[in-house]
Amino acid sequence: MGAKDRPVPLTTVELARKLGKSQQLASKHLDEMERDGLIERIRSTGQTHVKLTKAGVASAASLYKVLDSAFGEGQKAVVVRGKVFTGLGEGAYYVSLSGYKKQFLSKLGLEPYPGTLNIRLDSPVDRKVRRDLGLSKGIHIEGFSDGKRSYGGAECFKALLNDKVKSAVLILERTSHDDSVLELISQTNIRQALKLKEGDDIQARIFLGNNDSSSQ
């Protein structure tokens, strides 16, 4: 169901149906897995979302090695939603530095428009996805020094905004933002391309890992 990569909505009724067991037994399974640290449950807007922890993934892989290929073919993208907001304007300076620009061009295939788009994530589930990205391996951008100061690296994930504009999420080693914010770059002025205003809703489809799914 994709719970390896992001929290997914799940009820005990649905789990019981999938297992062919009673709702009471399904509830007991979830309680035991949560107690053992194999899953975590997030309750938001009247729904319960379930995600496998690292320990849960490791346990499943060791117990069921025959399913390794299925784990490798898990969900390739996650979708988050939030609202556009204006940052402090630092993004335009940083993405214009040649040490970053050369890597964005060679590794992401884009020469970024000078500036970043900031998205405020309101949902606890979406903020959880952002935290998980911070622990994930993407397309690595090396840090560098210009002789006067050093600049941190970043993990990048290709993304598609509102299913129209190609972009990339930046997970920076050094940032003033917390896990409620996504920063994105694109070859185009995203606000103009999508006719976005301050506070507008926006969707980002983020492609996991070092892959080219967004170009398909």
N, C-alpha and C. Protein backbone atom coordinates (compact mmCIF):
# COMPACT_ATOMS: atom_id res chain seq x y z
N MET A 1 0.82 -1.22 0.00
CA MET A 1 0.00 0.00 0.00
C MET A 1 0.85 1.26 0.00
N GLY A 2 2.17 1.13 -0.02
CA GLY A 2 3.03 2.30 -0.04
C GLY A 2 3.47 2.76 1.33
N ALA A 3 3.11 2.02 2.39
CA ALA A 3 3.43 2.47 3.76
C ALA A 3 4.92 2.37 4.07
N LYS A 4 5.70 1.80 3.18
CA LYS A 4 7.15 1.82 3.35
C LYS A 4 7.70 3.22 3.15
N ASP A 5 7.07 4.00 2.26
CA ASP A 5 7.61 5.30 1.87
C ASP A 5 6.89 6.50 2.47
N ARG A 6 5.62 6.33 2.84
CA ARG A 6 4.88 7.45 3.42
C ARG A 6 3.70 6.92 4.22
N PRO A 7 3.17 7.72 5.14
CA PRO A 7 1.99 7.29 5.88
C PRO A 7 0.80 7.12 4.93
N VAL A 8 0.06 6.03 5.12
CA VAL A 8 -1.13 5.79 4.29
C VAL A 8 -2.35 5.64 5.19
N PRO A 9 -3.51 6.12 4.74
CA PRO A 9 -4.72 5.96 5.55
C PRO A 9 -5.11 4.49 5.64
N LEU A 10 -5.43 4.03 6.85
CA LEU A 10 -5.77 2.63 7.05
C LEU A 10 -6.69 2.48 8.25
N THR A 11 -7.80 1.77 8.06
CA THR A 11 -8.70 1.46 9.17
C THR A 11 -8.56 -0.01 9.52
N THR A 12 -8.98 -0.35 10.74
CA THR A 12 -8.93 -1.76 11.15
C THR A 12 -9.89 -2.60 10.32
N VAL A 13 -10.97 -1.99 9.85
CA VAL A 13 -11.92 -2.70 9.00
C VAL A 13 -11.25 -3.08 7.68
N GLU A 14 -10.53 -2.12 7.09
CA GLU A 14 -9.86 -2.38 5.81
C GLU A 14 -8.76 -3.42 5.99
N LEU A 15 -7.98 -3.31 7.08
CA LEU A 15 -6.92 -4.28 7.32
C LEU A 15 -7.49 -5.67 7.55
N ALA A 16 -8.59 -5.74 8.30
CA ALA A 16 -9.22 -7.04 8.56
C ALA A 16 -9.67 -7.69 7.25
N ARG A 17 -10.22 -6.89 6.35
CA ARG A 17 -10.68 -7.42 5.06
C ARG A 17 -9.50 -7.95 4.25
N LYS A 18 -8.37 -7.22 4.25
CA LYS A 18 -7.20 -7.65 3.50
C LYS A 18 -6.60 -8.93 4.08
N LEU A 19 -6.66 -9.07 5.41
CA LEU A 19 -6.07 -10.24 6.06
C LEU A 19 -7.04 -11.42 6.11
N GLY A 20 -8.33 -11.15 5.90
CA GLY A 20 -9.32 -12.20 6.04
C GLY A 20 -9.52 -12.60 7.48
N LYS A 21 -9.31 -11.61 8.40
CA LYS A 21 -9.44 -11.86 9.83
C LYS A 21 -10.50 -10.92 10.41
N SER A 22 -10.74 -11.04 11.71
CA SER A 22 -11.72 -10.18 12.35
C SER A 22 -11.13 -8.79 12.58
N GLN A 23 -12.01 -7.80 12.75
CA GLN A 23 -11.57 -6.45 13.03
C GLN A 23 -10.80 -6.39 14.35
N GLN A 24 -11.27 -7.18 15.33
CA GLN A 24 -10.60 -7.19 16.64
C GLN A 24 -9.15 -7.69 16.51
N LEU A 25 -8.95 -8.73 15.69
CA LEU A 25 -7.61 -9.27 15.51
C LEU A 25 -6.73 -8.28 14.74
N ALA A 26 -7.30 -7.61 13.75
CA ALA A 26 -6.55 -6.61 12.99
C ALA A 26 -6.10 -5.48 13.90
N SER A 27 -7.00 -5.05 14.79
CA SER A 27 -6.66 -4.00 15.75
C SER A 27 -5.55 -4.45 16.68
N LYS A 28 -5.62 -5.71 17.10
CA LYS A 28 -4.59 -6.27 17.98
C LYS A 28 -3.24 -6.30 17.28
N HIS A 29 -3.24 -6.70 16.00
CA HIS A 29 -2.00 -6.71 15.22
C HIS A 29 -1.37 -5.32 15.19
N LEU A 30 -2.17 -4.30 14.89
CA LEU A 30 -1.65 -2.94 14.80
C LEU A 30 -1.10 -2.47 16.15
N ASP A 31 -1.83 -2.76 17.22
CA ASP A 31 -1.37 -2.36 18.55
C ASP A 31 -0.02 -3.00 18.88
N GLU A 32 0.11 -4.29 18.56
CA GLU A 32 1.34 -5.00 18.86
C GLU A 32 2.50 -4.47 18.01
N MET A 33 2.24 -4.19 16.73
CA MET A 33 3.30 -3.68 15.86
C MET A 33 3.75 -2.29 16.29
N GLU A 34 2.79 -1.48 16.73
CA GLU A 34 3.15 -0.15 17.22
C GLU A 34 3.97 -0.27 18.51
N ARG A 35 3.55 -1.13 19.39
CA ARG A 35 4.27 -1.33 20.65
C ARG A 35 5.69 -1.82 20.40
N ASP A 36 5.88 -2.65 19.38
CA ASP A 36 7.19 -3.20 19.07
C ASP A 36 8.03 -2.27 18.20
N GLY A 37 7.48 -1.10 17.86
CA GLY A 37 8.25 -0.13 17.07
C GLY A 37 8.34 -0.45 15.60
N LEU A 38 7.42 -1.30 15.09
CA LEU A 38 7.45 -1.68 13.68
C LEU A 38 6.64 -0.73 12.80
N ILE A 39 5.66 -0.06 13.40
CA ILE A 39 4.86 0.93 12.67
C ILE A 39 4.70 2.16 13.55
N GLU A 40 4.32 3.26 12.91
CA GLU A 40 3.87 4.43 13.67
C GLU A 40 2.54 4.87 13.10
N ARG A 41 1.68 5.36 13.99
CA ARG A 41 0.35 5.80 13.58
C ARG A 41 0.21 7.29 13.82
N ILE A 42 -0.33 7.97 12.80
CA ILE A 42 -0.54 9.41 12.85
C ILE A 42 -2.02 9.67 12.68
N ARG A 43 -2.61 10.37 13.61
CA ARG A 43 -4.04 10.67 13.55
C ARG A 43 -4.22 12.12 13.12
N SER A 44 -4.95 12.31 12.01
CA SER A 44 -5.12 13.65 11.45
C SER A 44 -6.46 13.74 10.73
N THR A 45 -7.18 14.82 10.98
CA THR A 45 -8.47 15.11 10.33
C THR A 45 -9.39 13.90 10.32
N GLY A 46 -9.50 13.24 11.46
CA GLY A 46 -10.44 12.13 11.59
C GLY A 46 -9.97 10.83 10.98
N GLN A 47 -8.75 10.79 10.43
CA GLN A 47 -8.23 9.57 9.83
C GLN A 47 -6.97 9.11 10.57
N THR A 48 -6.73 7.81 10.52
CA THR A 48 -5.49 7.27 11.05
C THR A 48 -4.61 6.83 9.88
N HIS A 49 -3.37 7.33 9.87
CA HIS A 49 -2.40 6.95 8.85
C HIS A 49 -1.35 6.06 9.49
N VAL A 50 -0.90 5.07 8.74
CA VAL A 50 0.07 4.10 9.24
C VAL A 50 1.31 4.11 8.34
N LYS A 51 2.49 4.07 8.97
CA LYS A 51 3.74 4.00 8.21
C LYS A 51 4.66 2.98 8.86
N LEU A 52 5.32 2.18 8.04
CA LEU A 52 6.34 1.28 8.55
C LEU A 52 7.54 2.08 9.03
N THR A 53 8.08 1.74 10.19
CA THR A 53 9.32 2.34 10.66
C THR A 53 10.50 1.64 9.98
N LYS A 54 11.70 2.18 10.19
CA LYS A 54 12.88 1.51 9.65
C LYS A 54 12.99 0.09 10.21
N ALA A 55 12.67 -0.05 11.50
CA ALA A 55 12.73 -1.38 12.11
C ALA A 55 11.69 -2.31 11.48
N GLY A 56 10.53 -1.75 11.14
CA GLY A 56 9.49 -2.56 10.50
C GLY A 56 9.90 -3.04 9.13
N VAL A 57 10.52 -2.15 8.35
CA VAL A 57 10.99 -2.54 7.02
C VAL A 57 12.08 -3.60 7.13
N ALA A 58 13.02 -3.39 8.07
CA ALA A 58 14.11 -4.35 8.24
C ALA A 58 13.59 -5.71 8.68
N SER A 59 12.60 -5.71 9.58
CA SER A 59 12.03 -6.96 10.07
C SER A 59 11.34 -7.71 8.94
N ALA A 60 10.55 -6.98 8.16
CA ALA A 60 9.84 -7.62 7.05
C ALA A 60 10.82 -8.19 6.03
N ALA A 61 11.89 -7.44 5.74
CA ALA A 61 12.85 -7.89 4.74
C ALA A 61 13.59 -9.15 5.21
N SER A 62 13.92 -9.20 6.50
CA SER A 62 14.65 -10.36 7.01
C SER A 62 13.76 -11.59 7.11
N LEU A 63 12.49 -11.39 7.44
CA LEU A 63 11.58 -12.52 7.59
C LEU A 63 11.09 -13.04 6.24
N TYR A 64 10.97 -12.13 5.29
CA TYR A 64 10.39 -12.51 4.00
C TYR A 64 11.31 -12.07 2.86
N LYS A 65 12.47 -12.70 2.76
CA LYS A 65 13.44 -12.30 1.74
C LYS A 65 12.89 -12.48 0.33
N VAL A 66 11.94 -13.37 0.21
CA VAL A 66 11.36 -13.59 -1.11
C VAL A 66 10.62 -12.35 -1.60
N LEU A 67 10.28 -11.43 -0.67
CA LEU A 67 9.55 -10.22 -1.05
C LEU A 67 10.48 -9.03 -1.28
N ASP A 68 11.79 -9.28 -1.29
CA ASP A 68 12.72 -8.18 -1.47
C ASP A 68 12.43 -7.37 -2.73
N SER A 69 12.11 -8.08 -3.80
CA SER A 69 11.86 -7.36 -5.06
C SER A 69 10.62 -6.49 -4.95
N ALA A 70 9.64 -6.98 -4.19
CA ALA A 70 8.43 -6.18 -4.00
C ALA A 70 8.73 -4.91 -3.23
N PHE A 71 9.61 -5.00 -2.23
CA PHE A 71 9.99 -3.81 -1.49
C PHE A 71 10.72 -2.83 -2.41
N GLY A 72 11.57 -3.36 -3.28
CA GLY A 72 12.32 -2.49 -4.18
C GLY A 72 11.43 -1.81 -5.19
N GLU A 73 10.28 -2.41 -5.46
CA GLU A 73 9.36 -1.83 -6.44
C GLU A 73 8.24 -1.05 -5.77
N GLY A 74 8.49 -0.60 -4.54
CA GLY A 74 7.48 0.13 -3.80
C GLY A 74 7.16 1.46 -4.44
N GLN A 75 6.40 2.23 -3.74
CA GLN A 75 5.91 3.49 -4.26
C GLN A 75 7.07 4.37 -4.72
N LYS A 76 7.03 4.84 -5.96
CA LYS A 76 8.11 5.62 -6.54
C LYS A 76 7.93 7.11 -6.32
N ALA A 77 6.79 7.53 -5.89
CA ALA A 77 6.55 8.96 -5.71
C ALA A 77 5.59 9.18 -4.54
N VAL A 78 5.71 10.34 -3.93
CA VAL A 78 4.80 10.75 -2.88
C VAL A 78 4.22 12.11 -3.26
N VAL A 79 3.03 12.39 -2.77
CA VAL A 79 2.37 13.66 -3.08
C VAL A 79 2.12 14.41 -1.78
N VAL A 80 2.52 15.67 -1.75
CA VAL A 80 2.24 16.53 -0.60
C VAL A 80 1.52 17.77 -1.10
N ARG A 81 0.79 18.39 -0.18
CA ARG A 81 0.04 19.60 -0.53
C ARG A 81 0.30 20.67 0.51
N GLY A 82 0.28 21.91 0.06
CA GLY A 82 0.51 23.01 0.99
C GLY A 82 0.13 24.33 0.35
N LYS A 83 0.61 25.40 0.97
CA LYS A 83 0.29 26.75 0.49
C LYS A 83 1.57 27.51 0.17
N VAL A 84 1.51 28.29 -0.89
CA VAL A 84 2.65 29.09 -1.32
C VAL A 84 2.84 30.26 -0.36
N PHE A 85 4.10 30.51 0.02
CA PHE A 85 4.38 31.69 0.84
C PHE A 85 5.73 32.26 0.46
N THR A 86 5.92 33.52 0.74
CA THR A 86 7.15 34.22 0.41
C THR A 86 8.16 34.09 1.53
N GLY A 87 9.38 33.68 1.20
CA GLY A 87 10.44 33.54 2.17
C GLY A 87 11.20 34.85 2.34
N LEU A 88 12.45 34.72 2.80
CA LEU A 88 13.27 35.90 3.07
C LEU A 88 14.07 36.35 1.86
N GLY A 89 13.94 35.64 0.75
CA GLY A 89 14.64 36.04 -0.46
C GLY A 89 16.05 35.51 -0.58
N GLU A 90 16.44 34.61 0.35
CA GLU A 90 17.80 34.08 0.32
C GLU A 90 18.00 33.10 -0.83
N GLY A 91 16.90 32.46 -1.25
CA GLY A 91 16.99 31.44 -2.29
C GLY A 91 17.60 31.94 -3.57
N ALA A 92 17.24 33.16 -3.99
CA ALA A 92 17.75 33.72 -5.25
C ALA A 92 19.27 33.81 -5.22
N TYR A 93 19.82 34.18 -4.08
CA TYR A 93 21.28 34.32 -3.95
C TYR A 93 21.95 32.95 -4.03
N TYR A 94 21.44 32.00 -3.25
CA TYR A 94 22.12 30.70 -3.16
C TYR A 94 22.04 29.91 -4.46
N VAL A 95 20.89 29.86 -5.11
CA VAL A 95 20.79 29.04 -6.32
C VAL A 95 21.55 29.67 -7.48
N SER A 96 21.93 30.94 -7.35
CA SER A 96 22.70 31.61 -8.41
C SER A 96 24.19 31.40 -8.27
N LEU A 97 24.64 30.84 -7.15
CA LEU A 97 26.07 30.59 -6.96
C LEU A 97 26.54 29.53 -7.95
N SER A 98 27.68 29.78 -8.58
CA SER A 98 28.16 28.88 -9.65
C SER A 98 28.41 27.47 -9.12
N GLY A 99 28.85 27.36 -7.84
CA GLY A 99 29.11 26.04 -7.27
C GLY A 99 27.87 25.17 -7.23
N TYR A 100 26.69 25.79 -7.08
CA TYR A 100 25.42 25.06 -7.11
C TYR A 100 24.90 24.94 -8.54
N LYS A 101 24.95 26.04 -9.28
CA LYS A 101 24.36 26.06 -10.63
C LYS A 101 24.93 24.97 -11.53
N LYS A 102 26.25 24.78 -11.46
CA LYS A 102 26.88 23.76 -12.31
C LYS A 102 26.36 22.37 -11.97
N GLN A 103 26.17 22.12 -10.68
CA GLN A 103 25.68 20.79 -10.27
C GLN A 103 24.21 20.61 -10.60
N PHE A 104 23.41 21.67 -10.44
CA PHE A 104 21.99 21.57 -10.81
C PHE A 104 21.87 21.23 -12.30
N LEU A 105 22.73 21.83 -13.11
CA LEU A 105 22.67 21.59 -14.55
C LEU A 105 23.13 20.17 -14.90
N SER A 106 24.24 19.73 -14.29
CA SER A 106 24.78 18.42 -14.65
C SER A 106 24.01 17.27 -14.02
N LYS A 107 23.48 17.46 -12.81
CA LYS A 107 22.84 16.36 -12.10
C LYS A 107 21.32 16.36 -12.21
N LEU A 108 20.73 17.56 -12.33
CA LEU A 108 19.27 17.65 -12.43
C LEU A 108 18.80 17.99 -13.83
N GLY A 109 19.73 18.45 -14.64
CA GLY A 109 19.36 18.82 -16.01
C GLY A 109 18.60 20.12 -16.10
N LEU A 110 18.80 21.01 -15.14
CA LEU A 110 18.11 22.30 -15.19
C LEU A 110 19.02 23.42 -14.70
N GLU A 111 18.87 24.57 -15.30
CA GLU A 111 19.53 25.79 -14.83
C GLU A 111 18.46 26.60 -14.12
N PRO A 112 18.53 26.67 -12.80
CA PRO A 112 17.39 27.20 -12.04
C PRO A 112 17.13 28.68 -12.25
N TYR A 113 15.84 29.00 -12.29
CA TYR A 113 15.42 30.40 -12.20
C TYR A 113 15.92 30.94 -10.87
N PRO A 114 16.42 32.18 -10.82
CA PRO A 114 16.97 32.71 -9.57
C PRO A 114 15.93 32.90 -8.48
N GLY A 115 15.79 31.91 -7.66
CA GLY A 115 14.84 31.97 -6.55
C GLY A 115 14.28 30.60 -6.26
N THR A 116 13.70 30.42 -5.09
CA THR A 116 13.05 29.17 -4.73
C THR A 116 11.58 29.43 -4.47
N LEU A 117 10.78 28.38 -4.67
CA LEU A 117 9.37 28.44 -4.29
C LEU A 117 9.24 27.77 -2.94
N ASN A 118 8.59 28.45 -2.00
CA ASN A 118 8.38 27.91 -0.67
C ASN A 118 6.94 27.43 -0.52
N ILE A 119 6.78 26.23 0.01
CA ILE A 119 5.46 25.67 0.27
C ILE A 119 5.34 25.37 1.75
N ARG A 120 4.27 25.87 2.37
CA ARG A 120 4.00 25.60 3.78
C ARG A 120 3.11 24.37 3.89
N LEU A 121 3.60 23.34 4.57
CA LEU A 121 2.87 22.08 4.73
C LEU A 121 2.06 22.14 6.02
N ASP A 122 0.74 22.09 5.91
CA ASP A 122 -0.11 22.21 7.08
C ASP A 122 -0.45 20.87 7.71
N SER A 123 -0.51 19.82 6.91
CA SER A 123 -0.93 18.50 7.39
C SER A 123 0.21 17.80 8.13
N PRO A 124 -0.09 17.17 9.28
CA PRO A 124 0.94 16.37 9.98
C PRO A 124 1.49 15.25 9.10
N VAL A 125 0.65 14.70 8.24
CA VAL A 125 1.09 13.62 7.35
C VAL A 125 2.12 14.16 6.36
N ASP A 126 1.84 15.33 5.77
CA ASP A 126 2.77 15.91 4.80
C ASP A 126 4.08 16.33 5.48
N ARG A 127 3.98 16.82 6.71
CA ARG A 127 5.21 17.17 7.43
C ARG A 127 6.03 15.93 7.75
N LYS A 128 5.36 14.82 7.99
CA LYS A 128 6.07 13.55 8.20
C LYS A 128 6.81 13.14 6.94
N VAL A 129 6.18 13.33 5.78
CA VAL A 129 6.85 13.02 4.51
C VAL A 129 8.11 13.88 4.36
N ARG A 130 7.98 15.16 4.72
CA ARG A 130 9.15 16.06 4.64
C ARG A 130 10.27 15.59 5.56
N ARG A 131 9.94 15.14 6.76
CA ARG A 131 10.97 14.63 7.66
C ARG A 131 11.65 13.40 7.08
N ASP A 132 10.84 12.53 6.47
CA ASP A 132 11.40 11.32 5.88
C ASP A 132 12.34 11.64 4.72
N LEU A 133 12.01 12.68 3.95
CA LEU A 133 12.90 13.08 2.86
C LEU A 133 14.26 13.50 3.40
N GLY A 134 14.25 14.10 4.59
CA GLY A 134 15.50 14.51 5.20
C GLY A 134 16.41 13.35 5.56
N LEU A 135 15.84 12.14 5.62
CA LEU A 135 16.61 10.94 5.94
C LEU A 135 16.86 10.07 4.71
N SER A 136 16.39 10.53 3.57
CA SER A 136 16.44 9.72 2.35
C SER A 136 17.61 10.13 1.45
N LYS A 137 17.98 9.22 0.57
CA LYS A 137 19.03 9.48 -0.40
C LYS A 137 18.41 9.93 -1.72
N GLY A 138 18.76 11.12 -2.14
CA GLY A 138 18.26 11.64 -3.41
C GLY A 138 19.40 11.85 -4.38
N ILE A 139 19.32 12.90 -5.16
CA ILE A 139 20.39 13.31 -6.06
C ILE A 139 21.27 14.28 -5.27
N HIS A 140 22.49 13.87 -4.98
CA HIS A 140 23.31 14.64 -4.04
C HIS A 140 23.99 15.83 -4.71
N ILE A 141 23.89 16.98 -4.06
CA ILE A 141 24.59 18.18 -4.47
C ILE A 141 25.69 18.43 -3.44
N GLU A 142 26.92 18.49 -3.90
CA GLU A 142 28.05 18.64 -2.99
C GLU A 142 28.15 20.06 -2.45
N GLY A 143 28.58 20.17 -1.18
CA GLY A 143 28.91 21.47 -0.65
C GLY A 143 30.23 21.96 -1.25
N PHE A 144 30.52 23.22 -1.08
CA PHE A 144 31.75 23.76 -1.68
C PHE A 144 32.17 25.01 -0.90
N SER A 145 33.36 25.51 -1.22
CA SER A 145 33.88 26.73 -0.63
C SER A 145 34.34 27.66 -1.73
N ASP A 146 34.11 28.95 -1.55
CA ASP A 146 34.57 29.94 -2.53
C ASP A 146 35.83 30.65 -2.06
N GLY A 147 36.45 30.11 -1.01
CA GLY A 147 37.65 30.73 -0.47
C GLY A 147 37.38 31.67 0.68
N LYS A 148 36.14 32.15 0.76
CA LYS A 148 35.77 33.06 1.83
C LYS A 148 34.83 32.39 2.84
N ARG A 149 33.95 31.56 2.34
CA ARG A 149 33.03 30.84 3.21
C ARG A 149 32.66 29.51 2.56
N SER A 150 32.14 28.63 3.36
CA SER A 150 31.74 27.32 2.85
C SER A 150 30.22 27.25 2.75
N TYR A 151 29.74 26.44 1.82
CA TYR A 151 28.31 26.26 1.58
C TYR A 151 27.97 24.78 1.69
N GLY A 152 26.88 24.48 2.38
CA GLY A 152 26.50 23.10 2.61
C GLY A 152 25.94 22.42 1.38
N GLY A 153 25.89 21.11 1.44
CA GLY A 153 25.33 20.33 0.35
C GLY A 153 23.82 20.16 0.48
N ALA A 154 23.26 19.32 -0.37
CA ALA A 154 21.81 19.11 -0.37
C ALA A 154 21.49 17.78 -1.03
N GLU A 155 20.34 17.23 -0.67
CA GLU A 155 19.76 16.11 -1.40
C GLU A 155 18.60 16.66 -2.21
N CYS A 156 18.52 16.29 -3.47
CA CYS A 156 17.47 16.81 -4.35
C CYS A 156 16.57 15.66 -4.82
N PHE A 157 15.31 15.98 -4.98
CA PHE A 157 14.33 15.02 -5.48
C PHE A 157 13.53 15.70 -6.58
N LYS A 158 13.52 15.09 -7.76
CA LYS A 158 12.75 15.66 -8.85
C LYS A 158 11.27 15.68 -8.47
N ALA A 159 10.56 16.69 -8.96
CA ALA A 159 9.15 16.86 -8.57
C ALA A 159 8.37 17.46 -9.73
N LEU A 160 7.06 17.33 -9.62
CA LEU A 160 6.13 17.91 -10.59
C LEU A 160 5.09 18.69 -9.81
N LEU A 161 4.97 19.98 -10.11
CA LEU A 161 4.06 20.85 -9.38
C LEU A 161 2.74 20.97 -10.12
N ASN A 162 1.66 20.68 -9.41
CA ASN A 162 0.31 20.68 -10.00
C ASN A 162 0.26 19.87 -11.28
N ASP A 163 1.10 18.83 -11.35
CA ASP A 163 1.18 17.94 -12.52
C ASP A 163 1.49 18.69 -13.81
N LYS A 164 2.19 19.82 -13.69
CA LYS A 164 2.47 20.63 -14.88
C LYS A 164 3.93 21.08 -14.97
N VAL A 165 4.48 21.61 -13.91
CA VAL A 165 5.80 22.24 -13.95
C VAL A 165 6.85 21.34 -13.32
N LYS A 166 7.90 21.00 -14.09
CA LYS A 166 9.00 20.20 -13.57
C LYS A 166 9.83 21.05 -12.62
N SER A 167 10.23 20.45 -11.52
CA SER A 167 10.99 21.17 -10.51
C SER A 167 11.82 20.18 -9.72
N ALA A 168 12.44 20.65 -8.65
CA ALA A 168 13.21 19.78 -7.77
C ALA A 168 13.09 20.29 -6.34
N VAL A 169 12.86 19.37 -5.41
CA VAL A 169 12.84 19.69 -3.99
C VAL A 169 14.28 19.73 -3.49
N LEU A 170 14.61 20.75 -2.71
CA LEU A 170 15.92 20.86 -2.09
C LEU A 170 15.82 20.53 -0.61
N ILE A 171 16.55 19.52 -0.17
CA ILE A 171 16.67 19.23 1.26
C ILE A 171 18.08 19.65 1.65
N LEU A 172 18.19 20.84 2.20
CA LEU A 172 19.48 21.46 2.45
C LEU A 172 20.09 21.00 3.77
N GLU A 173 21.41 20.86 3.77
CA GLU A 173 22.11 20.54 5.02
C GLU A 173 21.98 21.69 6.01
N ARG A 174 21.98 22.90 5.49
CA ARG A 174 21.88 24.08 6.34
C ARG A 174 20.68 24.90 5.89
N THR A 175 19.70 25.03 6.75
CA THR A 175 18.50 25.79 6.41
C THR A 175 17.87 26.35 7.67
N SER A 176 17.21 27.47 7.51
CA SER A 176 16.50 28.08 8.64
C SER A 176 15.08 27.56 8.76
N HIS A 177 14.65 26.74 7.77
CA HIS A 177 13.29 26.22 7.77
C HIS A 177 13.19 24.91 8.55
N ASP A 178 12.00 24.67 9.12
CA ASP A 178 11.75 23.40 9.79
C ASP A 178 11.02 22.46 8.83
N ASP A 179 10.47 21.34 9.38
CA ASP A 179 9.87 20.34 8.50
C ASP A 179 8.47 20.71 8.01
N SER A 180 8.06 21.95 8.26
CA SER A 180 6.77 22.40 7.72
C SER A 180 6.94 23.10 6.38
N VAL A 181 8.18 23.17 5.89
CA VAL A 181 8.45 23.93 4.66
C VAL A 181 9.18 23.06 3.63
N LEU A 182 8.72 23.17 2.39
CA LEU A 182 9.42 22.59 1.24
C LEU A 182 9.98 23.73 0.40
N GLU A 183 11.23 23.59 -0.03
CA GLU A 183 11.84 24.55 -0.95
C GLU A 183 12.07 23.86 -2.29
N LEU A 184 11.67 24.54 -3.36
CA LEU A 184 11.80 23.96 -4.69
C LEU A 184 12.44 24.93 -5.66
N ILE A 185 13.14 24.36 -6.64
CA ILE A 185 13.69 25.15 -7.73
C ILE A 185 13.13 24.63 -9.04
N SER A 186 13.20 25.46 -10.05
CA SER A 186 12.74 25.07 -11.38
C SER A 186 13.47 25.93 -12.41
N GLN A 187 13.42 25.49 -13.64
CA GLN A 187 14.04 26.27 -14.71
C GLN A 187 13.20 27.49 -15.07
N THR A 188 11.97 27.48 -14.61
CA THR A 188 11.05 28.57 -14.94
C THR A 188 10.60 29.27 -13.67
N ASN A 189 10.01 30.44 -13.82
CA ASN A 189 9.40 31.14 -12.69
C ASN A 189 8.10 30.42 -12.36
N ILE A 190 8.11 29.65 -11.30
CA ILE A 190 6.97 28.78 -10.99
C ILE A 190 5.70 29.58 -10.73
N ARG A 191 5.84 30.68 -10.01
CA ARG A 191 4.65 31.49 -9.70
C ARG A 191 3.98 31.99 -10.96
N GLN A 192 4.79 32.44 -11.91
CA GLN A 192 4.20 32.92 -13.17
C GLN A 192 3.62 31.78 -13.99
N ALA A 193 4.36 30.67 -14.07
CA ALA A 193 3.92 29.54 -14.89
C ALA A 193 2.60 28.97 -14.40
N LEU A 194 2.39 28.93 -13.08
CA LEU A 194 1.16 28.36 -12.53
C LEU A 194 0.18 29.43 -12.05
N LYS A 195 0.53 30.71 -12.31
CA LYS A 195 -0.35 31.84 -11.91
C LYS A 195 -0.68 31.77 -10.42
N LEU A 196 0.36 31.62 -9.63
CA LEU A 196 0.19 31.46 -8.20
C LEU A 196 0.25 32.79 -7.46
N LYS A 197 -0.59 32.91 -6.45
CA LYS A 197 -0.56 34.07 -5.57
C LYS A 197 -0.20 33.60 -4.16
N GLU A 198 0.17 34.54 -3.32
CA GLU A 198 0.49 34.23 -1.93
C GLU A 198 -0.68 33.49 -1.27
N GLY A 199 -0.39 32.35 -0.65
CA GLY A 199 -1.42 31.59 0.04
C GLY A 199 -2.18 30.60 -0.82
N ASP A 200 -1.87 30.54 -2.13
CA ASP A 200 -2.56 29.59 -3.00
C ASP A 200 -2.18 28.15 -2.65
N ASP A 201 -3.13 27.24 -2.84
CA ASP A 201 -2.86 25.81 -2.64
C ASP A 201 -2.03 25.28 -3.80
N ILE A 202 -1.14 24.34 -3.49
CA ILE A 202 -0.30 23.74 -4.53
C ILE A 202 -0.01 22.30 -4.16
N GLN A 203 0.15 21.46 -5.18
CA GLN A 203 0.47 20.05 -4.98
C GLN A 203 1.85 19.75 -5.57
N ALA A 204 2.65 19.00 -4.84
CA ALA A 204 3.96 18.58 -5.33
C ALA A 204 4.03 17.06 -5.36
N ARG A 205 4.26 16.51 -6.54
CA ARG A 205 4.49 15.07 -6.68
C ARG A 205 6.01 14.87 -6.69
N ILE A 206 6.52 14.21 -5.66
CA ILE A 206 7.96 14.10 -5.45
C ILE A 206 8.42 12.70 -5.79
N PHE A 207 9.40 12.59 -6.68
CA PHE A 207 9.91 11.30 -7.12
C PHE A 207 11.07 10.89 -6.23
N LEU A 208 10.95 9.70 -5.65
CA LEU A 208 11.89 9.26 -4.62
C LEU A 208 13.18 8.72 -5.21
N GLY A 209 14.25 8.95 -4.50
CA GLY A 209 15.53 8.38 -4.88
C GLY A 209 16.13 9.07 -6.09
N ASN A 210 17.21 8.46 -6.58
CA ASN A 210 17.94 8.98 -7.73
C ASN A 210 17.40 8.34 -8.98
N ASN A 211 16.22 8.82 -9.44
CA ASN A 211 15.61 8.21 -10.61
C ASN A 211 15.09 9.28 -11.53
N ASP A 212 14.69 8.87 -12.70
CA ASP A 212 14.23 9.82 -13.72
C ASP A 212 12.75 9.69 -14.00
N SER A 213 11.96 9.28 -12.97
CA SER A 213 10.53 9.06 -13.17
C SER A 213 9.83 10.30 -13.65
N SER A 214 10.33 11.48 -13.22
CA SER A 214 9.63 12.72 -13.57
C SER A 214 9.75 13.07 -15.03
N SER A 215 10.65 12.38 -15.75
CA SER A 215 10.81 12.71 -17.18
C SER A 215 9.97 11.81 -18.06
N GLN A 216 9.27 10.85 -17.44
CA GLN A 216 8.47 9.92 -18.23
C GLN A 216 7.17 10.55 -18.67
